[in-house]
Amino acid sequence: MKFKVKKRYSLAQLGEGWEECYLDFSPFTMREINEDFTSFASLDKDDPKSVTVASNKMTELLKNKYVGGTGLDATGKVVDIKRDDLLDLPAEVISGVISFLSSNLTSQKKKLSTK
């Protein structure tokens, strides 16, 4: 990425003790949107293999964009969350991160395509 930009996703929604925990990501660039996200447009939701491939690709994109963060371990201690720990977080977090990082992408692409 040419510019140093970081987006912080709060983990406070996970409950007591998580209020100060977070995940930091580099946002998607327009180049990545044009190159990587176009493949999702042709996703066949009825084909399990297609869905698995798309899910794996999104997981890799998230891992590549991950900068760092903190969370609570099983004992309640604040620990650093490593890139490989992301998939051990609740699914609602991963879904939320995807929405957070891709917010306004659809509307931005529509604006660009109408110009």
PDB file of N, CA and C in Angstrom:
ATOM      1  N   MET A   1       0.849  -1.177   0.000  1.00  0.00           N
ATOM      2  CA  MET A   1       0.000   0.000   0.000  1.00  0.00           C
ATOM      3  C   MET A   1       0.891   1.235   0.000  1.00  0.00           C
ATOM      4  N   LYS A   2       0.545   2.162  -0.825  1.00  0.00           N
ATOM      5  CA  LYS A   2       1.346   3.367  -0.998  1.00  0.00           C
ATOM      6  C   LYS A   2       1.221   4.332   0.183  1.00  0.00           C
ATOM      7  N   PHE A   3       0.043   4.334   0.829  1.00  0.00           N
ATOM      8  CA  PHE A   3      -0.207   5.255   1.930  1.00  0.00           C
ATOM      9  C   PHE A   3      -0.429   4.474   3.217  1.00  0.00           C
ATOM     10  N   LYS A   4       0.004   5.044   4.329  1.00  0.00           N
ATOM     11  CA  LYS A   4      -0.191   4.389   5.616  1.00  0.00           C
ATOM     12  C   LYS A   4      -1.533   4.831   6.200  1.00  0.00           C
ATOM     13  N   VAL A   5      -2.508   3.954   6.104  1.00  0.00           N
ATOM     14  CA  VAL A   5      -3.850   4.224   6.613  1.00  0.00           C
ATOM     15  C   VAL A   5      -4.265   3.014   7.424  1.00  0.00           C
ATOM     16  N   LYS A   6      -4.911   3.272   8.550  1.00  0.00           N
ATOM     17  CA  LYS A   6      -5.328   2.183   9.424  1.00  0.00           C
ATOM     18  C   LYS A   6      -6.766   2.424   9.863  1.00  0.00           C
ATOM     19  N   LYS A   7      -7.572   1.349   9.831  1.00  0.00           N
ATOM     20  CA  LYS A   7      -8.948   1.418  10.319  1.00  0.00           C
ATOM     21  C   LYS A   7      -9.058   0.504  11.529  1.00  0.00           C
ATOM     22  N   ARG A   8      -9.632   1.029  12.614  1.00  0.00           N
ATOM     23  CA  ARG A   8      -9.761   0.265  13.861  1.00  0.00           C
ATOM     24  C   ARG A   8     -11.186  -0.223  14.039  1.00  0.00           C
ATOM     25  N   TYR A   9     -11.306  -1.539  14.251  1.00  0.00           N
ATOM     26  CA  TYR A   9     -12.595  -2.183  14.494  1.00  0.00           C
ATOM     27  C   TYR A   9     -12.662  -2.542  15.970  1.00  0.00           C
ATOM     28  N   SER A  10     -13.617  -1.986  16.674  1.00  0.00           N
ATOM     29  CA  SER A  10     -13.777  -2.234  18.106  1.00  0.00           C
ATOM     30  C   SER A  10     -14.378  -3.615  18.353  1.00  0.00           C
ATOM     31  N   LEU A  11     -13.900  -4.275  19.397  1.00  0.00           N
ATOM     32  CA  LEU A  11     -14.442  -5.571  19.812  1.00  0.00           C
ATOM     33  C   LEU A  11     -15.318  -5.442  21.052  1.00  0.00           C
ATOM     34  N   ALA A  12     -15.718  -4.224  21.379  1.00  0.00           N
ATOM     35  CA  ALA A  12     -16.528  -3.966  22.574  1.00  0.00           C
ATOM     36  C   ALA A  12     -17.843  -4.740  22.566  1.00  0.00           C
ATOM     37  N   GLN A  13     -18.375  -5.051  21.388  1.00  0.00           N
ATOM     38  CA  GLN A  13     -19.650  -5.762  21.296  1.00  0.00           C
ATOM     39  C   GLN A  13     -19.558  -7.192  21.833  1.00  0.00           C
ATOM     40  N   LEU A  14     -18.343  -7.671  22.095  1.00  0.00           N
ATOM     41  CA  LEU A  14     -18.185  -9.030  22.619  1.00  0.00           C
ATOM     42  C   LEU A  14     -18.451  -9.124  24.113  1.00  0.00           C
ATOM     43  N   GLY A  15     -18.634  -7.980  24.763  1.00  0.00           N
ATOM     44  CA  GLY A  15     -19.041  -8.016  26.163  1.00  0.00           C
ATOM     45  C   GLY A  15     -18.030  -7.446  27.132  1.00  0.00           C
ATOM     46  N   GLU A  16     -18.297  -7.715  28.395  1.00  0.00           N
ATOM     47  CA  GLU A  16     -17.490  -7.173  29.484  1.00  0.00           C
ATOM     48  C   GLU A  16     -16.023  -7.574  29.338  1.00  0.00           C
ATOM     49  N   GLY A  17     -15.160  -6.579  29.489  1.00  0.00           N
ATOM     50  CA  GLY A  17     -13.729  -6.793  29.389  1.00  0.00           C
ATOM     51  C   GLY A  17     -13.168  -6.536  28.005  1.00  0.00           C
ATOM     52  N   TRP A  18     -14.031  -6.555  27.009  1.00  0.00           N
ATOM     53  CA  TRP A  18     -13.590  -6.364  25.628  1.00  0.00           C
ATOM     54  C   TRP A  18     -13.658  -4.904  25.186  1.00  0.00           C
ATOM     55  N   GLU A  19     -14.061  -4.009  26.070  1.00  0.00           N
ATOM     56  CA  GLU A  19     -14.300  -2.604  25.699  1.00  0.00           C
ATOM     57  C   GLU A  19     -13.077  -1.922  25.075  1.00  0.00           C
ATOM     58  N   GLU A  20     -11.888  -2.273  25.512  1.00  0.00           N
ATOM     59  CA  GLU A  20     -10.672  -1.632  24.987  1.00  0.00           C
ATOM     60  C   GLU A  20      -9.984  -2.477  23.916  1.00  0.00           C
ATOM     61  N   CYS A  21     -10.579  -3.599  23.552  1.00  0.00           N
ATOM     62  CA  CYS A  21      -9.974  -4.494  22.563  1.00  0.00           C
ATOM     63  C   CYS A  21     -10.375  -4.070  21.150  1.00  0.00           C
ATOM     64  N   TYR A  22      -9.541  -4.383  20.200  1.00  0.00           N
ATOM     65  CA  TYR A  22      -9.742  -3.903  18.831  1.00  0.00           C
ATOM     66  C   TYR A  22      -8.970  -4.751  17.833  1.00  0.00           C
ATOM     67  N   LEU A  23      -9.277  -4.533  16.575  1.00  0.00           N
ATOM     68  CA  LEU A  23      -8.525  -5.086  15.449  1.00  0.00           C
ATOM     69  C   LEU A  23      -8.210  -3.930  14.511  1.00  0.00           C
ATOM     70  N   ASP A  24      -6.965  -3.820  14.089  1.00  0.00           N
ATOM     71  CA  ASP A  24      -6.560  -2.795  13.133  1.00  0.00           C
ATOM     72  C   ASP A  24      -6.305  -3.432  11.771  1.00  0.00           C
ATOM     73  N   PHE A  25      -6.814  -2.791  10.745  1.00  0.00           N
ATOM     74  CA  PHE A  25      -6.646  -3.265   9.371  1.00  0.00           C
ATOM     75  C   PHE A  25      -6.244  -2.108   8.478  1.00  0.00           C
ATOM     76  N   SER A  26      -5.524  -2.421   7.411  1.00  0.00           N
ATOM     77  CA  SER A  26      -5.339  -1.461   6.323  1.00  0.00           C
ATOM     78  C   SER A  26      -6.605  -1.534   5.487  1.00  0.00           C
ATOM     79  N   PRO A  27      -7.148  -0.418   5.068  1.00  0.00           N
ATOM     80  CA  PRO A  27      -8.372  -0.467   4.256  1.00  0.00           C
ATOM     81  C   PRO A  27      -8.076  -0.999   2.849  1.00  0.00           C
ATOM     82  N   PHE A  28      -9.123  -1.457   2.178  1.00  0.00           N
ATOM     83  CA  PHE A  28      -8.980  -1.887   0.797  1.00  0.00           C
ATOM     84  C   PHE A  28      -8.728  -0.670  -0.078  1.00  0.00           C
ATOM     85  N   THR A  29      -7.827  -0.803  -1.016  1.00  0.00           N
ATOM     86  CA  THR A  29      -7.578   0.276  -1.965  1.00  0.00           C
ATOM     87  C   THR A  29      -8.491   0.088  -3.180  1.00  0.00           C
ATOM     88  N   MET A  30      -8.638   1.109  -3.966  1.00  0.00           N
ATOM     89  CA  MET A  30      -9.450   1.004  -5.178  1.00  0.00           C
ATOM     90  C   MET A  30      -8.844  -0.027  -6.135  1.00  0.00           C
ATOM     91  N   ARG A  31      -7.524  -0.107  -6.159  1.00  0.00           N
ATOM     92  CA  ARG A  31      -6.860  -1.103  -7.010  1.00  0.00           C
ATOM     93  C   ARG A  31      -7.272  -2.514  -6.588  1.00  0.00           C
ATOM     94  N   GLU A  32      -7.294  -2.770  -5.269  1.00  0.00           N
ATOM     95  CA  GLU A  32      -7.696  -4.085  -4.764  1.00  0.00           C
ATOM     96  C   GLU A  32      -9.175  -4.362  -5.047  1.00  0.00           C
ATOM     97  N   ILE A  33      -9.983  -3.354  -4.921  1.00  0.00           N
ATOM     98  CA  ILE A  33     -11.409  -3.518  -5.194  1.00  0.00           C
ATOM     99  C   ILE A  33     -11.606  -3.928  -6.650  1.00  0.00           C
ATOM    100  N   ASN A  34     -10.916  -3.245  -7.537  1.00  0.00           N
ATOM    101  CA  ASN A  34     -11.053  -3.544  -8.958  1.00  0.00           C
ATOM    102  C   ASN A  34     -10.499  -4.923  -9.316  1.00  0.00           C
ATOM    103  N   GLU A  35      -9.407  -5.323  -8.660  1.00  0.00           N
ATOM    104  CA  GLU A  35      -8.767  -6.591  -8.993  1.00  0.00           C
ATOM    105  C   GLU A  35      -9.377  -7.774  -8.244  1.00  0.00           C
ATOM    106  N   ASP A  36      -9.653  -7.612  -6.961  1.00  0.00           N
ATOM    107  CA  ASP A  36     -10.061  -8.744  -6.129  1.00  0.00           C
ATOM    108  C   ASP A  36     -11.564  -8.885  -5.976  1.00  0.00           C
ATOM    109  N   PHE A  37     -12.271  -7.789  -5.901  1.00  0.00           N
ATOM    110  CA  PHE A  37     -13.688  -7.864  -5.584  1.00  0.00           C
ATOM    111  C   PHE A  37     -14.565  -8.178  -6.791  1.00  0.00           C
ATOM    112  N   THR A  38     -14.048  -7.985  -7.986  1.00  0.00           N
ATOM    113  CA  THR A  38     -14.858  -8.291  -9.159  1.00  0.00           C
ATOM    114  C   THR A  38     -15.162  -9.783  -9.237  1.00  0.00           C
ATOM    115  N   SER A  39     -14.277 -10.619  -8.705  1.00  0.00           N
ATOM    116  CA  SER A  39     -14.521 -12.066  -8.738  1.00  0.00           C
ATOM    117  C   SER A  39     -15.692 -12.461  -7.848  1.00  0.00           C
ATOM    118  N   PHE A  40     -15.988 -11.661  -6.831  1.00  0.00           N
ATOM    119  CA  PHE A  40     -17.118 -11.963  -5.954  1.00  0.00           C
ATOM    120  C   PHE A  40     -18.454 -11.684  -6.632  1.00  0.00           C
ATOM    121  N   ALA A  41     -18.449 -10.803  -7.603  1.00  0.00           N
ATOM    122  CA  ALA A  41     -19.694 -10.450  -8.299  1.00  0.00           C
ATOM    123  C   ALA A  41     -20.264 -11.645  -9.065  1.00  0.00           C
ATOM    124  N   SER A  42     -19.389 -12.530  -9.517  1.00  0.00           N
ATOM    125  CA  SER A  42     -19.848 -13.684 -10.294  1.00  0.00           C
ATOM    126  C   SER A  42     -20.050 -14.932  -9.431  1.00  0.00           C
ATOM    127  N   LEU A  43     -20.075 -14.763  -8.139  1.00  0.00           N
ATOM    128  CA  LEU A  43     -20.238 -15.875  -7.210  1.00  0.00           C
ATOM    129  C   LEU A  43     -21.583 -16.559  -7.398  1.00  0.00           C
ATOM    130  N   ASP A  44     -21.541 -17.875  -7.548  1.00  0.00           N
ATOM    131  CA  ASP A  44     -22.763 -18.674  -7.629  1.00  0.00           C
ATOM    132  C   ASP A  44     -23.084 -19.168  -6.227  1.00  0.00           C
ATOM    133  N   LYS A  45     -24.031 -18.499  -5.553  1.00  0.00           N
ATOM    134  CA  LYS A  45     -24.361 -18.827  -4.160  1.00  0.00           C
ATOM    135  C   LYS A  45     -24.920 -20.232  -3.999  1.00  0.00           C
ATOM    136  N   ASP A  46     -25.368 -20.834  -5.082  1.00  0.00           N
ATOM    137  CA  ASP A  46     -25.931 -22.181  -5.025  1.00  0.00           C
ATOM    138  C   ASP A  46     -24.870 -23.276  -5.211  1.00  0.00           C
ATOM    139  N   ASP A  47     -23.652 -22.867  -5.529  1.00  0.00           N
ATOM    140  CA  ASP A  47     -22.562 -23.823  -5.734  1.00  0.00           C
ATOM    141  C   ASP A  47     -21.656 -23.811  -4.506  1.00  0.00           C
ATOM    142  N   PRO A  48     -21.690 -24.870  -3.681  1.00  0.00           N
ATOM    143  CA  PRO A  48     -20.889 -24.908  -2.453  1.00  0.00           C
ATOM    144  C   PRO A  48     -19.397 -24.691  -2.699  1.00  0.00           C
ATOM    145  N   LYS A  49     -18.883 -25.224  -3.804  1.00  0.00           N
ATOM    146  CA  LYS A  49     -17.455 -25.052  -4.106  1.00  0.00           C
ATOM    147  C   LYS A  49     -17.126 -23.587  -4.367  1.00  0.00           C
ATOM    148  N   SER A  50     -17.998 -22.912  -5.094  1.00  0.00           N
ATOM    149  CA  SER A  50     -17.813 -21.494  -5.390  1.00  0.00           C
ATOM    150  C   SER A  50     -17.830 -20.662  -4.109  1.00  0.00           C
ATOM    151  N   VAL A  51     -18.745 -20.993  -3.212  1.00  0.00           N
ATOM    152  CA  VAL A  51     -18.851 -20.273  -1.934  1.00  0.00           C
ATOM    153  C   VAL A  51     -17.602 -20.503  -1.097  1.00  0.00           C
ATOM    154  N   THR A  52     -17.104 -21.738  -1.073  1.00  0.00           N
ATOM    155  CA  THR A  52     -15.891 -22.059  -0.312  1.00  0.00           C
ATOM    156  C   THR A  52     -14.687 -21.304  -0.851  1.00  0.00           C
ATOM    157  N   VAL A  53     -14.558 -21.274  -2.166  1.00  0.00           N
ATOM    158  CA  VAL A  53     -13.451 -20.546  -2.789  1.00  0.00           C
ATOM    159  C   VAL A  53     -13.519 -19.061  -2.427  1.00  0.00           C
ATOM    160  N   ALA A  54     -14.704 -18.471  -2.509  1.00  0.00           N
ATOM    161  CA  ALA A  54     -14.875 -17.051  -2.182  1.00  0.00           C
ATOM    162  C   ALA A  54     -14.573 -16.795  -0.705  1.00  0.00           C
ATOM    163  N   SER A  55     -15.028 -17.690   0.163  1.00  0.00           N
ATOM    164  CA  SER A  55     -14.771 -17.551   1.600  1.00  0.00           C
ATOM    165  C   SER A  55     -13.280 -17.612   1.896  1.00  0.00           C
ATOM    166  N   ASN A  56     -12.587 -18.549   1.274  1.00  0.00           N
ATOM    167  CA  ASN A  56     -11.141 -18.666   1.470  1.00  0.00           C
ATOM    168  C   ASN A  56     -10.401 -17.444   0.952  1.00  0.00           C
ATOM    169  N   LYS A  57     -10.868 -16.916  -0.176  1.00  0.00           N
ATOM    170  CA  LYS A  57     -10.231 -15.720  -0.739  1.00  0.00           C
ATOM    171  C   LYS A  57     -10.434 -14.521   0.191  1.00  0.00           C
ATOM    172  N   MET A  58     -11.654 -14.373   0.731  1.00  0.00           N
ATOM    173  CA  MET A  58     -11.920 -13.264   1.653  1.00  0.00           C
ATOM    174  C   MET A  58     -11.085 -13.416   2.923  1.00  0.00           C
ATOM    175  N   THR A  59     -10.942 -14.637   3.412  1.00  0.00           N
ATOM    176  CA  THR A  59     -10.115 -14.888   4.598  1.00  0.00           C
ATOM    177  C   THR A  59      -8.676 -14.455   4.346  1.00  0.00           C
ATOM    178  N   GLU A  60      -8.149 -14.802   3.197  1.00  0.00           N
ATOM    179  CA  GLU A  60      -6.777 -14.404   2.865  1.00  0.00           C
ATOM    180  C   GLU A  60      -6.653 -12.884   2.734  1.00  0.00           C
ATOM    181  N   LEU A  61      -7.656 -12.247   2.119  1.00  0.00           N
ATOM    182  CA  LEU A  61      -7.639 -10.785   2.013  1.00  0.00           C
ATOM    183  C   LEU A  61      -7.599 -10.145   3.407  1.00  0.00           C
ATOM    184  N   LEU A  62      -8.430 -10.644   4.310  1.00  0.00           N
ATOM    185  CA  LEU A  62      -8.460 -10.098   5.674  1.00  0.00           C
ATOM    186  C   LEU A  62      -7.126 -10.306   6.373  1.00  0.00           C
ATOM    187  N   LYS A  63      -6.565 -11.492   6.253  1.00  0.00           N
ATOM    188  CA  LYS A  63      -5.272 -11.765   6.887  1.00  0.00           C
ATOM    189  C   LYS A  63      -4.197 -10.824   6.344  1.00  0.00           C
ATOM    190  N   ASN A  64      -4.220 -10.596   5.034  1.00  0.00           N
ATOM    191  CA  ASN A  64      -3.225  -9.713   4.426  1.00  0.00           C
ATOM    192  C   ASN A  64      -3.401  -8.262   4.850  1.00  0.00           C
ATOM    193  N   LYS A  65      -4.632  -7.867   5.166  1.00  0.00           N
ATOM    194  CA  LYS A  65      -4.904  -6.492   5.573  1.00  0.00           C
ATOM    195  C   LYS A  65      -4.746  -6.264   7.074  1.00  0.00           C
ATOM    196  N   TYR A  66      -4.619  -7.354   7.840  1.00  0.00           N
ATOM    197  CA  TYR A  66      -4.556  -7.246   9.293  1.00  0.00           C
ATOM    198  C   TYR A  66      -3.241  -6.605   9.737  1.00  0.00           C
ATOM    199  N   VAL A  67      -3.342  -5.622  10.628  1.00  0.00           N
ATOM    200  CA  VAL A  67      -2.178  -4.913  11.146  1.00  0.00           C
ATOM    201  C   VAL A  67      -1.863  -5.358  12.572  1.00  0.00           C
ATOM    202  N   GLY A  68      -2.871  -5.518  13.398  1.00  0.00           N
ATOM    203  CA  GLY A  68      -2.669  -5.937  14.788  1.00  0.00           C
ATOM    204  C   GLY A  68      -3.919  -5.675  15.599  1.00  0.00           C
ATOM    205  N   GLY A  69      -3.882  -6.107  16.846  1.00  0.00           N
ATOM    206  CA  GLY A  69      -5.023  -5.883  17.714  1.00  0.00           C
ATOM    207  C   GLY A  69      -4.868  -6.605  19.034  1.00  0.00           C
ATOM    208  N   THR A  70      -5.869  -6.429  19.889  1.00  0.00           N
ATOM    209  CA  THR A  70      -5.847  -7.072  21.192  1.00  0.00           C
ATOM    210  C   THR A  70      -7.195  -7.719  21.472  1.00  0.00           C
ATOM    211  N   GLY A  71      -7.170  -8.711  22.336  1.00  0.00           N
ATOM    212  CA  GLY A  71      -8.388  -9.392  22.746  1.00  0.00           C
ATOM    213  C   GLY A  71      -8.169 -10.043  24.102  1.00  0.00           C
ATOM    214  N   LEU A  72      -9.195 -10.688  24.610  1.00  0.00           N
ATOM    215  CA  LEU A  72      -9.096 -11.386  25.885  1.00  0.00           C
ATOM    216  C   LEU A  72      -8.873 -12.868  25.639  1.00  0.00           C
ATOM    217  N   ASP A  73      -7.889 -13.433  26.347  1.00  0.00           N
ATOM    218  CA  ASP A  73      -7.715 -14.876  26.234  1.00  0.00           C
ATOM    219  C   ASP A  73      -8.698 -15.581  27.165  1.00  0.00           C
ATOM    220  N   ALA A  74      -8.616 -16.893  27.239  1.00  0.00           N
ATOM    221  CA  ALA A  74      -9.573 -17.684  28.019  1.00  0.00           C
ATOM    222  C   ALA A  74      -9.533 -17.365  29.511  1.00  0.00           C
ATOM    223  N   THR A  75      -8.424 -16.775  29.972  1.00  0.00           N
ATOM    224  CA  THR A  75      -8.311 -16.427  31.399  1.00  0.00           C
ATOM    225  C   THR A  75      -8.730 -14.989  31.681  1.00  0.00           C
ATOM    226  N   GLY A  76      -9.086 -14.230  30.620  1.00  0.00           N
ATOM    227  CA  GLY A  76      -9.490 -12.838  30.795  1.00  0.00           C
ATOM    228  C   GLY A  76      -8.347 -11.848  30.694  1.00  0.00           C
ATOM    229  N   LYS A  77      -7.168 -12.325  30.322  1.00  0.00           N
ATOM    230  CA  LYS A  77      -5.990 -11.467  30.167  1.00  0.00           C
ATOM    231  C   LYS A  77      -5.979 -10.862  28.762  1.00  0.00           C
ATOM    232  N   VAL A  78      -5.647  -9.561  28.670  1.00  0.00           N
ATOM    233  CA  VAL A  78      -5.539  -8.900  27.371  1.00  0.00           C
ATOM    234  C   VAL A  78      -4.262  -9.380  26.684  1.00  0.00           C
ATOM    235  N   VAL A  79      -4.428  -9.890  25.471  1.00  0.00           N
ATOM    236  CA  VAL A  79      -3.292 -10.409  24.707  1.00  0.00           C
ATOM    237  C   VAL A  79      -3.338  -9.847  23.294  1.00  0.00           C
ATOM    238  N   ASP A  80      -2.187  -9.887  22.634  1.00  0.00           N
ATOM    239  CA  ASP A  80      -2.138  -9.503  21.224  1.00  0.00           C
ATOM    240  C   ASP A  80      -2.813 -10.579  20.397  1.00  0.00           C
ATOM    241  N   ILE A  81      -3.589 -10.155  19.413  1.00  0.00           N
ATOM    242  CA  ILE A  81      -4.208 -11.086  18.476  1.00  0.00           C
ATOM    243  C   ILE A  81      -3.301 -11.149  17.251  1.00  0.00           C
ATOM    244  N   LYS A  82      -2.838 -12.339  16.953  1.00  0.00           N
ATOM    245  CA  LYS A  82      -1.971 -12.560  15.796  1.00  0.00           C
ATOM    246  C   LYS A  82      -2.830 -12.811  14.551  1.00  0.00           C
ATOM    247  N   ARG A  83      -2.206 -12.655  13.419  1.00  0.00           N
ATOM    248  CA  ARG A  83      -2.896 -12.863  12.136  1.00  0.00           C
ATOM    249  C   ARG A  83      -3.577 -14.234  12.085  1.00  0.00           C
ATOM    250  N   ASP A  84      -2.888 -15.259  12.549  1.00  0.00           N
ATOM    251  CA  ASP A  84      -3.457 -16.614  12.508  1.00  0.00           C
ATOM    252  C   ASP A  84      -4.570 -16.821  13.528  1.00  0.00           C
ATOM    253  N   ASP A  85      -4.740 -15.887  14.468  1.00  0.00           N
ATOM    254  CA  ASP A  85      -5.813 -15.991  15.466  1.00  0.00           C
ATOM    255  C   ASP A  85      -7.159 -15.482  14.949  1.00  0.00           C
ATOM    256  N   LEU A  86      -7.160 -14.768  13.844  1.00  0.00           N
ATOM    257  CA  LEU A  86      -8.385 -14.131  13.360  1.00  0.00           C
ATOM    258  C   LEU A  86      -9.537 -15.120  13.202  1.00  0.00           C
ATOM    259  N   LEU A  87      -9.261 -16.287  12.679  1.00  0.00           N
ATOM    260  CA  LEU A  87     -10.337 -17.243  12.426  1.00  0.00           C
ATOM    261  C   LEU A  87     -10.822 -17.932  13.697  1.00  0.00           C
ATOM    262  N   ASP A  88     -10.153 -17.678  14.816  1.00  0.00           N
ATOM    263  CA  ASP A  88     -10.615 -18.210  16.101  1.00  0.00           C
ATOM    264  C   ASP A  88     -11.586 -17.253  16.792  1.00  0.00           C
ATOM    265  N   LEU A  89     -11.764 -16.068  16.232  1.00  0.00           N
ATOM    266  CA  LEU A  89     -12.735 -15.111  16.767  1.00  0.00           C
ATOM    267  C   LEU A  89     -14.141 -15.530  16.337  1.00  0.00           C
ATOM    268  N   PRO A  90     -15.163 -15.071  17.051  1.00  0.00           N
ATOM    269  CA  PRO A  90     -16.535 -15.406  16.652  1.00  0.00           C
ATOM    270  C   PRO A  90     -16.828 -14.960  15.214  1.00  0.00           C
ATOM    271  N   ALA A  91     -17.653 -15.749  14.533  1.00  0.00           N
ATOM    272  CA  ALA A  91     -18.009 -15.452  13.133  1.00  0.00           C
ATOM    273  C   ALA A  91     -18.600 -14.053  12.996  1.00  0.00           C
ATOM    274  N   GLU A  92     -19.343 -13.602  14.018  1.00  0.00           N
ATOM    275  CA  GLU A  92     -19.944 -12.267  13.950  1.00  0.00           C
ATOM    276  C   GLU A  92     -18.875 -11.184  13.842  1.00  0.00           C
ATOM    277  N   VAL A  93     -17.695 -11.427  14.410  1.00  0.00           N
ATOM    278  CA  VAL A  93     -16.610 -10.451  14.316  1.00  0.00           C
ATOM    279  C   VAL A  93     -16.092 -10.396  12.887  1.00  0.00           C
ATOM    280  N   ILE A  94     -15.831 -11.559  12.300  1.00  0.00           N
ATOM    281  CA  ILE A  94     -15.308 -11.584  10.933  1.00  0.00           C
ATOM    282  C   ILE A  94     -16.309 -10.953   9.969  1.00  0.00           C
ATOM    283  N   SER A  95     -17.575 -11.286  10.134  1.00  0.00           N
ATOM    284  CA  SER A  95     -18.622 -10.690   9.301  1.00  0.00           C
ATOM    285  C   SER A  95     -18.657  -9.175   9.488  1.00  0.00           C
ATOM    286  N   GLY A  96     -18.547  -8.731  10.737  1.00  0.00           N
ATOM    287  CA  GLY A  96     -18.538  -7.298  11.032  1.00  0.00           C
ATOM    288  C   GLY A  96     -17.343  -6.589  10.429  1.00  0.00           C
ATOM    289  N   VAL A  97     -16.176  -7.234  10.485  1.00  0.00           N
ATOM    290  CA  VAL A  97     -14.960  -6.644   9.911  1.00  0.00           C
ATOM    291  C   VAL A  97     -15.114  -6.497   8.400  1.00  0.00           C
ATOM    292  N   ILE A  98     -15.644  -7.521   7.760  1.00  0.00           N
ATOM    293  CA  ILE A  98     -15.839  -7.451   6.311  1.00  0.00           C
ATOM    294  C   ILE A  98     -16.759  -6.283   5.964  1.00  0.00           C
ATOM    295  N   SER A  99     -17.859  -6.147   6.687  1.00  0.00           N
ATOM    296  CA  SER A  99     -18.785  -5.027   6.452  1.00  0.00           C
ATOM    297  C   SER A  99     -18.108  -3.695   6.726  1.00  0.00           C
ATOM    298  N   PHE A 100     -17.357  -3.638   7.822  1.00  0.00           N
ATOM    299  CA  PHE A 100     -16.657  -2.422   8.223  1.00  0.00           C
ATOM    300  C   PHE A 100     -15.649  -1.982   7.163  1.00  0.00           C
ATOM    301  N   LEU A 101     -14.837  -2.927   6.700  1.00  0.00           N
ATOM    302  CA  LEU A 101     -13.807  -2.584   5.720  1.00  0.00           C
ATOM    303  C   LEU A 101     -14.374  -2.306   4.335  1.00  0.00           C
ATOM    304  N   SER A 102     -15.499  -2.916   4.024  1.00  0.00           N
ATOM    305  CA  SER A 102     -16.066  -2.727   2.692  1.00  0.00           C
ATOM    306  C   SER A 102     -17.214  -1.734   2.687  1.00  0.00           C
ATOM    307  N   SER A 103     -17.457  -1.066   3.802  1.00  0.00           N
ATOM    308  CA  SER A 103     -18.550  -0.095   3.855  1.00  0.00           C
ATOM    309  C   SER A 103     -18.341   0.960   2.782  1.00  0.00           C
ATOM    310  N   ASN A 104     -19.437   1.258   2.125  1.00  0.00           N
ATOM    311  CA  ASN A 104     -19.478   2.255   1.053  1.00  0.00           C
ATOM    312  C   ASN A 104     -18.792   1.822  -0.238  1.00  0.00           C
ATOM    313  N   LEU A 105     -18.245   0.599  -0.298  1.00  0.00           N
ATOM    314  CA  LEU A 105     -17.608   0.172  -1.540  1.00  0.00           C
ATOM    315  C   LEU A 105     -18.613   0.099  -2.673  1.00  0.00           C
ATOM    316  N   THR A 106     -19.768  -0.444  -2.393  1.00  0.00           N
ATOM    317  CA  THR A 106     -20.790  -0.567  -3.432  1.00  0.00           C
ATOM    318  C   THR A 106     -21.214   0.801  -3.930  1.00  0.00           C
ATOM    319  N   SER A 107     -21.469   1.713  -2.996  1.00  0.00           N
ATOM    320  CA  SER A 107     -21.908   3.044  -3.421  1.00  0.00           C
ATOM    321  C   SER A 107     -20.787   3.792  -4.127  1.00  0.00           C
ATOM    322  N   GLN A 108     -19.528   3.575  -3.703  1.00  0.00           N
ATOM    323  CA  GLN A 108     -18.413   4.235  -4.381  1.00  0.00           C
ATOM    324  C   GLN A 108     -18.259   3.704  -5.801  1.00  0.00           C
ATOM    325  N   LYS A 109     -18.385   2.388  -5.973  1.00  0.00           N
ATOM    326  CA  LYS A 109     -18.273   1.822  -7.312  1.00  0.00           C
ATOM    327  C   LYS A 109     -19.408   2.311  -8.208  1.00  0.00           C
ATOM    328  N   LYS A 110     -20.620   2.444  -7.642  1.00  0.00           N
ATOM    329  CA  LYS A 110     -21.747   2.950  -8.429  1.00  0.00           C
ATOM    330  C   LYS A 110     -21.484   4.383  -8.869  1.00  0.00           C
ATOM    331  N   LYS A 111     -20.950   5.194  -7.949  1.00  0.00           N
ATOM    332  CA  LYS A 111     -20.635   6.586  -8.289  1.00  0.00           C
ATOM    333  C   LYS A 111     -19.608   6.641  -9.429  1.00  0.00           C
ATOM    334  N   LEU A 112     -18.581   5.798  -9.335  1.00  0.00           N
ATOM    335  CA  LEU A 112     -17.544   5.793 -10.353  1.00  0.00           C
ATOM    336  C   LEU A 112     -18.086   5.333 -11.702  1.00  0.00           C
ATOM    337  N   SER A 113     -18.971   4.339 -11.672  1.00  0.00           N
ATOM    338  CA  SER A 113     -19.470   3.791 -12.936  1.00  0.00           C
ATOM    339  C   SER A 113     -20.488   4.721 -13.609  1.00  0.00           C
ATOM    340  N   THR A 114     -21.054   5.663 -12.881  1.00  0.00           N
ATOM    341  CA  THR A 114     -22.034   6.576 -13.468  1.00  0.00           C
ATOM    342  C   THR A 114     -21.387   7.856 -13.976  1.00  0.00           C
ATOM    343  N   LYS A 115     -20.120   8.012 -13.770  1.00  0.00           N
ATOM    344  CA  LYS A 115     -19.431   9.224 -14.232  1.00  0.00           C
ATOM    345  C   LYS A 115     -18.900   9.066 -15.618  1.00  0.00           C
TER     346      LYS A 115
END
